[in-house]
């Protein structure tokens, strides 16, 4: 009897642990390279315009407009990247 209860408890604990390891939301595999590698708050891509990207980081600026664009359209590509990626 005690062994059965112990096995049931262990089984439930293992099942709950594997369920908690899964991502909470849907995984988006359709992101553009820019959206997948963007740095939060930086409107430039290091892959498209490295100088503008590093200058923005150095100044410590924050512009969430392109972050919002990637949230609305995961396949978004900024104008500076057209033809490069």
PDB file of N, CA and C in Angstrom:
ATOM      1  N   UNK A   1       0.825  -1.192   0.000  1.00  0.00           N
ATOM      2  CA  UNK A   1       0.000   0.000   0.000  1.00  0.00           C
ATOM      3  C   UNK A   1       0.871   1.258   0.000  1.00  0.00           C
ATOM      4  N   UNK A   2       1.867   1.294   0.913  1.00  0.00           N
ATOM      5  CA  UNK A   2       2.752   2.464   0.980  1.00  0.00           C
ATOM      6  C   UNK A   2       3.584   2.589  -0.302  1.00  0.00           C
ATOM      7  N   UNK A   3       3.991   1.463  -0.853  1.00  0.00           N
ATOM      8  CA  UNK A   3       4.768   1.481  -2.086  1.00  0.00           C
ATOM      9  C   UNK A   3       3.934   2.023  -3.244  1.00  0.00           C
ATOM     10  N   UNK A   4       2.685   1.655  -3.305  1.00  0.00           N
ATOM     11  CA  UNK A   4       1.791   2.130  -4.364  1.00  0.00           C
ATOM     12  C   UNK A   4       1.602   3.642  -4.271  1.00  0.00           C
ATOM     13  N   UNK A   5       1.416   4.146  -3.062  1.00  0.00           N
ATOM     14  CA  UNK A   5       1.249   5.595  -2.866  1.00  0.00           C
ATOM     15  C   UNK A   5       2.538   6.317  -3.235  1.00  0.00           C
ATOM     16  N   UNK A   6       3.673   5.772  -2.831  1.00  0.00           N
ATOM     17  CA  UNK A   6       4.959   6.384  -3.156  1.00  0.00           C
ATOM     18  C   UNK A   6       5.190   6.410  -4.665  1.00  0.00           C
ATOM     19  N   UNK A   7       4.910   5.321  -5.348  1.00  0.00           N
ATOM     20  CA  UNK A   7       5.060   5.282  -6.802  1.00  0.00           C
ATOM     21  C   UNK A   7       4.124   6.264  -7.494  1.00  0.00           C
ATOM     22  N   UNK A   8       2.900   6.371  -6.994  1.00  0.00           N
ATOM     23  CA  UNK A   8       1.961   7.330  -7.577  1.00  0.00           C
ATOM     24  C   UNK A   8       2.449   8.760  -7.391  1.00  0.00           C
ATOM     25  N   UNK A   9       3.005   9.077  -6.221  1.00  0.00           N
ATOM     26  CA  UNK A   9       3.525  10.422  -5.948  1.00  0.00           C
ATOM     27  C   UNK A   9       4.723  10.730  -6.841  1.00  0.00           C
ATOM     28  N   UNK A  10       5.613   9.764  -7.012  1.00  0.00           N
ATOM     29  CA  UNK A  10       6.783   9.961  -7.865  1.00  0.00           C
ATOM     30  C   UNK A  10       6.356  10.157  -9.316  1.00  0.00           C
ATOM     31  N   UNK A  11       5.401   9.371  -9.773  1.00  0.00           N
ATOM     32  CA  UNK A  11       4.906   9.496 -11.144  1.00  0.00           C
ATOM     33  C   UNK A  11       4.274  10.859 -11.378  1.00  0.00           C
ATOM     34  N   UNK A  12       3.488  11.322 -10.427  1.00  0.00           N
ATOM     35  CA  UNK A  12       2.856  12.649 -10.574  1.00  0.00           C
ATOM     36  C   UNK A  12       3.900  13.749 -10.572  1.00  0.00           C
ATOM     37  N   UNK A  13       4.923  13.623  -9.728  1.00  0.00           N
ATOM     38  CA  UNK A  13       5.971  14.638  -9.679  1.00  0.00           C
ATOM     39  C   UNK A  13       6.747  14.690 -10.991  1.00  0.00           C
ATOM     40  N   UNK A  14       7.036  13.530 -11.550  1.00  0.00           N
ATOM     41  CA  UNK A  14       7.768  13.501 -12.825  1.00  0.00           C
ATOM     42  C   UNK A  14       6.927  14.059 -13.962  1.00  0.00           C
ATOM     43  N   UNK A  15       5.646  13.790 -13.972  1.00  0.00           N
ATOM     44  CA  UNK A  15       4.750  14.305 -15.007  1.00  0.00           C
ATOM     45  C   UNK A  15       4.623  15.816 -14.903  1.00  0.00           C
ATOM     46  N   UNK A  16       4.486  16.330 -13.697  1.00  0.00           N
ATOM     47  CA  UNK A  16       4.364  17.777 -13.503  1.00  0.00           C
ATOM     48  C   UNK A  16       5.653  18.474 -13.903  1.00  0.00           C
ATOM     49  N   UNK A  17       6.792  17.871 -13.618  1.00  0.00           N
ATOM     50  CA  UNK A  17       8.076  18.475 -13.976  1.00  0.00           C
ATOM     51  C   UNK A  17       8.253  18.595 -15.477  1.00  0.00           C
ATOM     52  N   UNK A  18       7.864  17.577 -16.232  1.00  0.00           N
ATOM     53  CA  UNK A  18       8.011  17.653 -17.681  1.00  0.00           C
ATOM     54  C   UNK A  18       7.027  18.638 -18.290  1.00  0.00           C
ATOM     55  N   UNK A  19       5.862  18.794 -17.696  1.00  0.00           N
ATOM     56  CA  UNK A  19       4.887  19.762 -18.208  1.00  0.00           C
ATOM     57  C   UNK A  19       5.358  21.181 -17.960  1.00  0.00           C
ATOM     58  N   UNK A  20       6.057  21.414 -16.875  1.00  0.00           N
ATOM     59  CA  UNK A  20       6.533  22.755 -16.563  1.00  0.00           C
ATOM     60  C   UNK A  20       7.728  23.133 -17.429  1.00  0.00           C
ATOM     61  N   UNK A  21       8.424  22.187 -18.016  1.00  0.00           N
ATOM     62  CA  UNK A  21       9.594  22.481 -18.825  1.00  0.00           C
ATOM     63  C   UNK A  21       9.233  22.968 -20.225  1.00  0.00           C
ATOM     64  N   UNK A  22       7.999  22.812 -20.639  1.00  0.00           N
ATOM     65  CA  UNK A  22       7.578  23.249 -21.972  1.00  0.00           C
ATOM     66  C   UNK A  22       7.407  24.759 -22.018  1.00  0.00           C
ATOM     67  N   UNK A  23       7.595  25.376 -23.196  1.00  0.00           N
ATOM     68  CA  UNK A  23       7.365  26.813 -23.304  1.00  0.00           C
ATOM     69  C   UNK A  23       5.901  27.157 -23.039  1.00  0.00           C
ATOM     70  N   UNK A  24       5.697  28.314 -22.429  1.00  0.00           N
ATOM     71  CA  UNK A  24       4.343  28.718 -22.056  1.00  0.00           C
ATOM     72  C   UNK A  24       3.490  29.083 -23.269  1.00  0.00           C
ATOM     73  N   UNK A  25       4.080  29.750 -24.254  1.00  0.00           N
ATOM     74  CA  UNK A  25       3.309  30.191 -25.410  1.00  0.00           C
ATOM     75  C   UNK A  25       3.715  29.445 -26.657  1.00  0.00           C
ATOM     76  N   UNK A  26       3.086  29.783 -27.768  1.00  0.00           N
ATOM     77  CA  UNK A  26       3.449  29.128 -29.017  1.00  0.00           C
ATOM     78  C   UNK A  26       4.831  29.572 -29.490  1.00  0.00           C
ATOM     79  N   UNK A  27       5.574  28.657 -30.062  1.00  0.00           N
ATOM     80  CA  UNK A  27       6.902  28.972 -30.579  1.00  0.00           C
ATOM     81  C   UNK A  27       6.734  29.492 -31.996  1.00  0.00           C
ATOM     82  N   UNK A  28       7.368  30.613 -32.293  1.00  0.00           N
ATOM     83  CA  UNK A  28       7.237  31.225 -33.611  1.00  0.00           C
ATOM     84  C   UNK A  28       8.464  30.904 -34.448  1.00  0.00           C
ATOM     85  N   UNK A  29       8.320  29.985 -35.395  1.00  0.00           N
ATOM     86  CA  UNK A  29       9.434  29.594 -36.245  1.00  0.00           C
ATOM     87  C   UNK A  29       9.533  30.448 -37.500  1.00  0.00           C
ATOM     88  N   UNK A  30       8.614  31.369 -37.712  1.00  0.00           N
ATOM     89  CA  UNK A  30       8.596  32.154 -38.928  1.00  0.00           C
ATOM     90  C   UNK A  30       9.197  33.537 -38.770  1.00  0.00           C
ATOM     91  N   UNK A  31      10.138  33.719 -37.862  1.00  0.00           N
ATOM     92  CA  UNK A  31      10.728  35.039 -37.666  1.00  0.00           C
ATOM     93  C   UNK A  31      11.755  35.343 -38.744  1.00  0.00           C
ATOM     94  N   UNK A  32      11.868  36.622 -39.052  1.00  0.00           N
ATOM     95  CA  UNK A  32      12.939  37.046 -39.941  1.00  0.00           C
ATOM     96  C   UNK A  32      14.249  36.983 -39.163  1.00  0.00           C
ATOM     97  N   UNK A  33      15.347  36.994 -39.880  1.00  0.00           N
ATOM     98  CA  UNK A  33      16.656  36.973 -39.228  1.00  0.00           C
ATOM     99  C   UNK A  33      16.795  38.212 -38.348  1.00  0.00           C
ATOM    100  N   UNK A  34      16.298  39.350 -38.822  1.00  0.00           N
ATOM    101  CA  UNK A  34      16.392  40.577 -38.047  1.00  0.00           C
ATOM    102  C   UNK A  34      15.640  40.446 -36.725  1.00  0.00           C
ATOM    103  N   UNK A  35      14.406  39.980 -36.773  1.00  0.00           N
ATOM    104  CA  UNK A  35      13.607  39.870 -35.548  1.00  0.00           C
ATOM    105  C   UNK A  35      14.187  38.825 -34.604  1.00  0.00           C
ATOM    106  N   UNK A  36      14.767  37.771 -35.143  1.00  0.00           N
ATOM    107  CA  UNK A  36      15.331  36.724 -34.298  1.00  0.00           C
ATOM    108  C   UNK A  36      16.612  37.172 -33.605  1.00  0.00           C
ATOM    109  N   UNK A  37      17.349  38.127 -34.182  1.00  0.00           N
ATOM    110  CA  UNK A  37      18.641  38.537 -33.619  1.00  0.00           C
ATOM    111  C   UNK A  37      18.652  39.974 -33.131  1.00  0.00           C
ATOM    112  N   UNK A  38      17.493  40.610 -33.050  1.00  0.00           N
ATOM    113  CA  UNK A  38      17.482  42.021 -32.657  1.00  0.00           C
ATOM    114  C   UNK A  38      17.850  42.187 -31.191  1.00  0.00           C
ATOM    115  N   UNK A  39      18.320  43.374 -30.883  1.00  0.00           N
ATOM    116  CA  UNK A  39      18.638  43.743 -29.511  1.00  0.00           C
ATOM    117  C   UNK A  39      17.537  44.685 -29.042  1.00  0.00           C
ATOM    118  N   UNK A  40      16.934  44.397 -27.922  1.00  0.00           N
ATOM    119  CA  UNK A  40      15.800  45.185 -27.437  1.00  0.00           C
ATOM    120  C   UNK A  40      16.157  46.661 -27.336  1.00  0.00           C
ATOM    121  N   UNK A  41      15.313  47.500 -27.895  1.00  0.00           N
ATOM    122  CA  UNK A  41      15.497  48.940 -27.828  1.00  0.00           C
ATOM    123  C   UNK A  41      16.421  49.515 -28.877  1.00  0.00           C
ATOM    124  N   UNK A  42      17.054  48.698 -29.675  1.00  0.00           N
ATOM    125  CA  UNK A  42      17.963  49.177 -30.710  1.00  0.00           C
ATOM    126  C   UNK A  42      17.254  49.065 -32.055  1.00  0.00           C
ATOM    127  N   UNK A  43      17.050  50.195 -32.744  1.00  0.00           N
ATOM    128  CA  UNK A  43      16.315  50.157 -34.013  1.00  0.00           C
ATOM    129  C   UNK A  43      17.152  49.691 -35.201  1.00  0.00           C
ATOM    130  N   UNK A  44      18.417  49.383 -34.985  1.00  0.00           N
ATOM    131  CA  UNK A  44      19.302  48.958 -36.070  1.00  0.00           C
ATOM    132  C   UNK A  44      19.687  47.494 -35.894  1.00  0.00           C
ATOM    133  N   UNK A  45      19.977  46.832 -36.988  1.00  0.00           N
ATOM    134  CA  UNK A  45      20.407  45.441 -36.977  1.00  0.00           C
ATOM    135  C   UNK A  45      21.918  45.370 -37.105  1.00  0.00           C
ATOM    136  N   UNK A  46      22.540  44.541 -36.292  1.00  0.00           N
ATOM    137  CA  UNK A  46      23.992  44.375 -36.406  1.00  0.00           C
ATOM    138  C   UNK A  46      24.345  43.658 -37.696  1.00  0.00           C
ATOM    139  N   UNK A  47      23.384  42.932 -38.271  1.00  0.00           N
ATOM    140  CA  UNK A  47      23.623  42.213 -39.511  1.00  0.00           C
ATOM    141  C   UNK A  47      23.519  43.111 -40.737  1.00  0.00           C
ATOM    142  N   UNK A  48      22.775  44.204 -40.646  1.00  0.00           N
ATOM    143  CA  UNK A  48      22.548  45.078 -41.800  1.00  0.00           C
ATOM    144  C   UNK A  48      23.388  46.346 -41.751  1.00  0.00           C
ATOM    145  N   UNK A  49      23.456  46.992 -40.606  1.00  0.00           N
ATOM    146  CA  UNK A  49      24.199  48.237 -40.468  1.00  0.00           C
ATOM    147  C   UNK A  49      24.943  48.210 -39.132  1.00  0.00           C
ATOM    148  N   UNK A  50      26.105  47.577 -39.137  1.00  0.00           N
ATOM    149  CA  UNK A  50      26.846  47.368 -37.895  1.00  0.00           C
ATOM    150  C   UNK A  50      27.259  48.688 -37.242  1.00  0.00           C
ATOM    151  N   UNK A  51      27.649  49.665 -38.040  1.00  0.00           N
ATOM    152  CA  UNK A  51      28.106  50.937 -37.474  1.00  0.00           C
ATOM    153  C   UNK A  51      26.966  51.660 -36.749  1.00  0.00           C
ATOM    154  N   UNK A  52      25.797  51.704 -37.347  1.00  0.00           N
ATOM    155  CA  UNK A  52      24.651  52.342 -36.691  1.00  0.00           C
ATOM    156  C   UNK A  52      24.233  51.556 -35.450  1.00  0.00           C
ATOM    157  N   UNK A  53      24.271  50.213 -35.544  1.00  0.00           N
ATOM    158  CA  UNK A  53      23.907  49.367 -34.417  1.00  0.00           C
ATOM    159  C   UNK A  53      24.840  49.582 -33.232  1.00  0.00           C
ATOM    160  N   UNK A  54      26.155  49.584 -33.481  1.00  0.00           N
ATOM    161  CA  UNK A  54      27.104  49.747 -32.381  1.00  0.00           C
ATOM    162  C   UNK A  54      27.092  51.171 -31.841  1.00  0.00           C
ATOM    163  N   UNK A  55      26.861  52.172 -32.703  1.00  0.00           N
ATOM    164  CA  UNK A  55      26.751  53.549 -32.232  1.00  0.00           C
ATOM    165  C   UNK A  55      25.550  53.743 -31.324  1.00  0.00           C
ATOM    166  N   UNK A  56      24.443  53.112 -31.675  1.00  0.00           N
ATOM    167  CA  UNK A  56      23.230  53.204 -30.853  1.00  0.00           C
ATOM    168  C   UNK A  56      23.472  52.568 -29.494  1.00  0.00           C
ATOM    169  N   UNK A  57      24.164  51.426 -29.468  1.00  0.00           N
ATOM    170  CA  UNK A  57      24.484  50.753 -28.207  1.00  0.00           C
ATOM    171  C   UNK A  57      25.392  51.626 -27.357  1.00  0.00           C
ATOM    172  N   UNK A  58      26.379  52.237 -27.983  1.00  0.00           N
ATOM    173  CA  UNK A  58      27.345  53.052 -27.251  1.00  0.00           C
ATOM    174  C   UNK A  58      26.670  54.251 -26.600  1.00  0.00           C
ATOM    175  N   UNK A  59      25.711  54.857 -27.310  1.00  0.00           N
ATOM    176  CA  UNK A  59      25.009  56.023 -26.759  1.00  0.00           C
ATOM    177  C   UNK A  59      23.993  55.637 -25.689  1.00  0.00           C
ATOM    178  N   UNK A  60      23.598  54.378 -25.665  1.00  0.00           N
ATOM    179  CA  UNK A  60      22.625  53.943 -24.675  1.00  0.00           C
ATOM    180  C   UNK A  60      21.215  54.395 -24.995  1.00  0.00           C
ATOM    181  N   UNK A  61      20.929  54.608 -26.280  1.00  0.00           N
ATOM    182  CA  UNK A  61      19.592  55.040 -26.685  1.00  0.00           C
ATOM    183  C   UNK A  61      18.564  53.933 -26.549  1.00  0.00           C
ATOM    184  N   UNK A  62      17.307  54.319 -26.625  1.00  0.00           N
ATOM    185  CA  UNK A  62      16.221  53.336 -26.551  1.00  0.00           C
ATOM    186  C   UNK A  62      15.122  53.766 -27.511  1.00  0.00           C
ATOM    187  N   UNK A  63      14.769  52.886 -28.429  1.00  0.00           N
ATOM    188  CA  UNK A  63      13.696  53.148 -29.373  1.00  0.00           C
ATOM    189  C   UNK A  63      12.988  51.819 -29.619  1.00  0.00           C
ATOM    190  N   UNK A  64      11.788  51.678 -29.107  1.00  0.00           N
ATOM    191  CA  UNK A  64      11.056  50.419 -29.195  1.00  0.00           C
ATOM    192  C   UNK A  64      10.198  50.314 -30.451  1.00  0.00           C
ATOM    193  N   UNK A  65      10.302  51.242 -31.377  1.00  0.00           N
ATOM    194  CA  UNK A  65       9.429  51.215 -32.547  1.00  0.00           C
ATOM    195  C   UNK A  65       9.638  49.952 -33.387  1.00  0.00           C
ATOM    196  N   UNK A  66      10.880  49.517 -33.583  1.00  0.00           N
ATOM    197  CA  UNK A  66      11.116  48.316 -34.365  1.00  0.00           C
ATOM    198  C   UNK A  66      10.888  47.048 -33.549  1.00  0.00           C
ATOM    199  N   UNK A  67      11.018  47.130 -32.232  1.00  0.00           N
ATOM    200  CA  UNK A  67      10.629  46.006 -31.381  1.00  0.00           C
ATOM    201  C   UNK A  67       9.138  45.743 -31.551  1.00  0.00           C
ATOM    202  N   UNK A  68       8.371  46.818 -31.565  1.00  0.00           N
ATOM    203  CA  UNK A  68       6.924  46.693 -31.748  1.00  0.00           C
ATOM    204  C   UNK A  68       6.596  46.157 -33.140  1.00  0.00           C
ATOM    205  N   UNK A  69       7.375  46.565 -34.144  1.00  0.00           N
ATOM    206  CA  UNK A  69       7.144  46.069 -35.509  1.00  0.00           C
ATOM    207  C   UNK A  69       7.364  44.563 -35.573  1.00  0.00           C
ATOM    208  N   UNK A  70       8.369  44.051 -34.867  1.00  0.00           N
ATOM    209  CA  UNK A  70       8.617  42.603 -34.852  1.00  0.00           C
ATOM    210  C   UNK A  70       7.537  41.869 -34.075  1.00  0.00           C
ATOM    211  N   UNK A  71       6.969  42.512 -33.069  1.00  0.00           N
ATOM    212  CA  UNK A  71       5.878  41.874 -32.338  1.00  0.00           C
ATOM    213  C   UNK A  71       4.631  41.768 -33.204  1.00  0.00           C
ATOM    214  N   UNK A  72       4.375  42.788 -34.002  1.00  0.00           N
ATOM    215  CA  UNK A  72       3.190  42.795 -34.859  1.00  0.00           C
ATOM    216  C   UNK A  72       3.374  41.889 -36.084  1.00  0.00           C
ATOM    217  N   UNK A  73       4.595  41.848 -36.631  1.00  0.00           N
ATOM    218  CA  UNK A  73       4.888  41.044 -37.823  1.00  0.00           C
ATOM    219  C   UNK A  73       6.246  40.374 -37.633  1.00  0.00           C
ATOM    220  N   UNK A  74       6.288  39.114 -37.203  1.00  0.00           N
ATOM    221  CA  UNK A  74       7.563  38.442 -36.943  1.00  0.00           C
ATOM    222  C   UNK A  74       8.470  38.316 -38.166  1.00  0.00           C
ATOM    223  N   UNK A  75       7.926  38.490 -39.358  1.00  0.00           N
ATOM    224  CA  UNK A  75       8.750  38.414 -40.568  1.00  0.00           C
ATOM    225  C   UNK A  75       9.212  39.792 -41.040  1.00  0.00           C
ATOM    226  N   UNK A  76       9.089  40.795 -40.186  1.00  0.00           N
ATOM    227  CA  UNK A  76       9.452  42.169 -40.516  1.00  0.00           C
ATOM    228  C   UNK A  76      10.939  42.276 -40.844  1.00  0.00           C
ATOM    229  N   UNK A  77      11.242  43.061 -41.868  1.00  0.00           N
ATOM    230  CA  UNK A  77      12.627  43.361 -42.251  1.00  0.00           C
ATOM    231  C   UNK A  77      12.707  44.875 -42.384  1.00  0.00           C
ATOM    232  N   UNK A  78      13.609  45.539 -41.627  1.00  0.00           N
ATOM    233  CA  UNK A  78      13.715  46.998 -41.735  1.00  0.00           C
ATOM    234  C   UNK A  78      14.256  47.430 -43.089  1.00  0.00           C
ATOM    235  N   UNK A  79      14.035  48.668 -43.428  1.00  0.00           N
ATOM    236  CA  UNK A  79      14.466  49.195 -44.730  1.00  0.00           C
ATOM    237  C   UNK A  79      15.966  49.065 -44.947  1.00  0.00           C
ATOM    238  N   UNK A  80      16.753  49.196 -43.884  1.00  0.00           N
ATOM    239  CA  UNK A  80      18.204  49.123 -44.030  1.00  0.00           C
ATOM    240  C   UNK A  80      18.672  47.712 -44.394  1.00  0.00           C
ATOM    241  N   UNK A  81      17.818  46.717 -44.245  1.00  0.00           N
ATOM    242  CA  UNK A  81      18.190  45.325 -44.520  1.00  0.00           C
ATOM    243  C   UNK A  81      17.689  44.835 -45.870  1.00  0.00           C
ATOM    244  N   UNK A  82      16.813  45.545 -46.520  1.00  0.00           N
ATOM    245  CA  UNK A  82      16.232  45.062 -47.781  1.00  0.00           C
ATOM    246  C   UNK A  82      17.337  44.771 -48.792  1.00  0.00           C
ATOM    247  N   UNK A  83      17.319  43.564 -49.310  1.00  0.00           N
ATOM    248  CA  UNK A  83      18.309  43.160 -50.293  1.00  0.00           C
ATOM    249  C   UNK A  83      19.567  42.566 -49.687  1.00  0.00           C
ATOM    250  N   UNK A  84      19.711  42.636 -48.369  1.00  0.00           N
ATOM    251  CA  UNK A  84      20.936  42.104 -47.737  1.00  0.00           C
ATOM    252  C   UNK A  84      20.717  40.753 -47.091  1.00  0.00           C
ATOM    253  N   UNK A  85      19.508  40.484 -46.591  1.00  0.00           N
ATOM    254  CA  UNK A  85      19.266  39.207 -45.897  1.00  0.00           C
ATOM    255  C   UNK A  85      18.325  38.355 -46.698  1.00  0.00           C
TER     256      UNK A  85
END
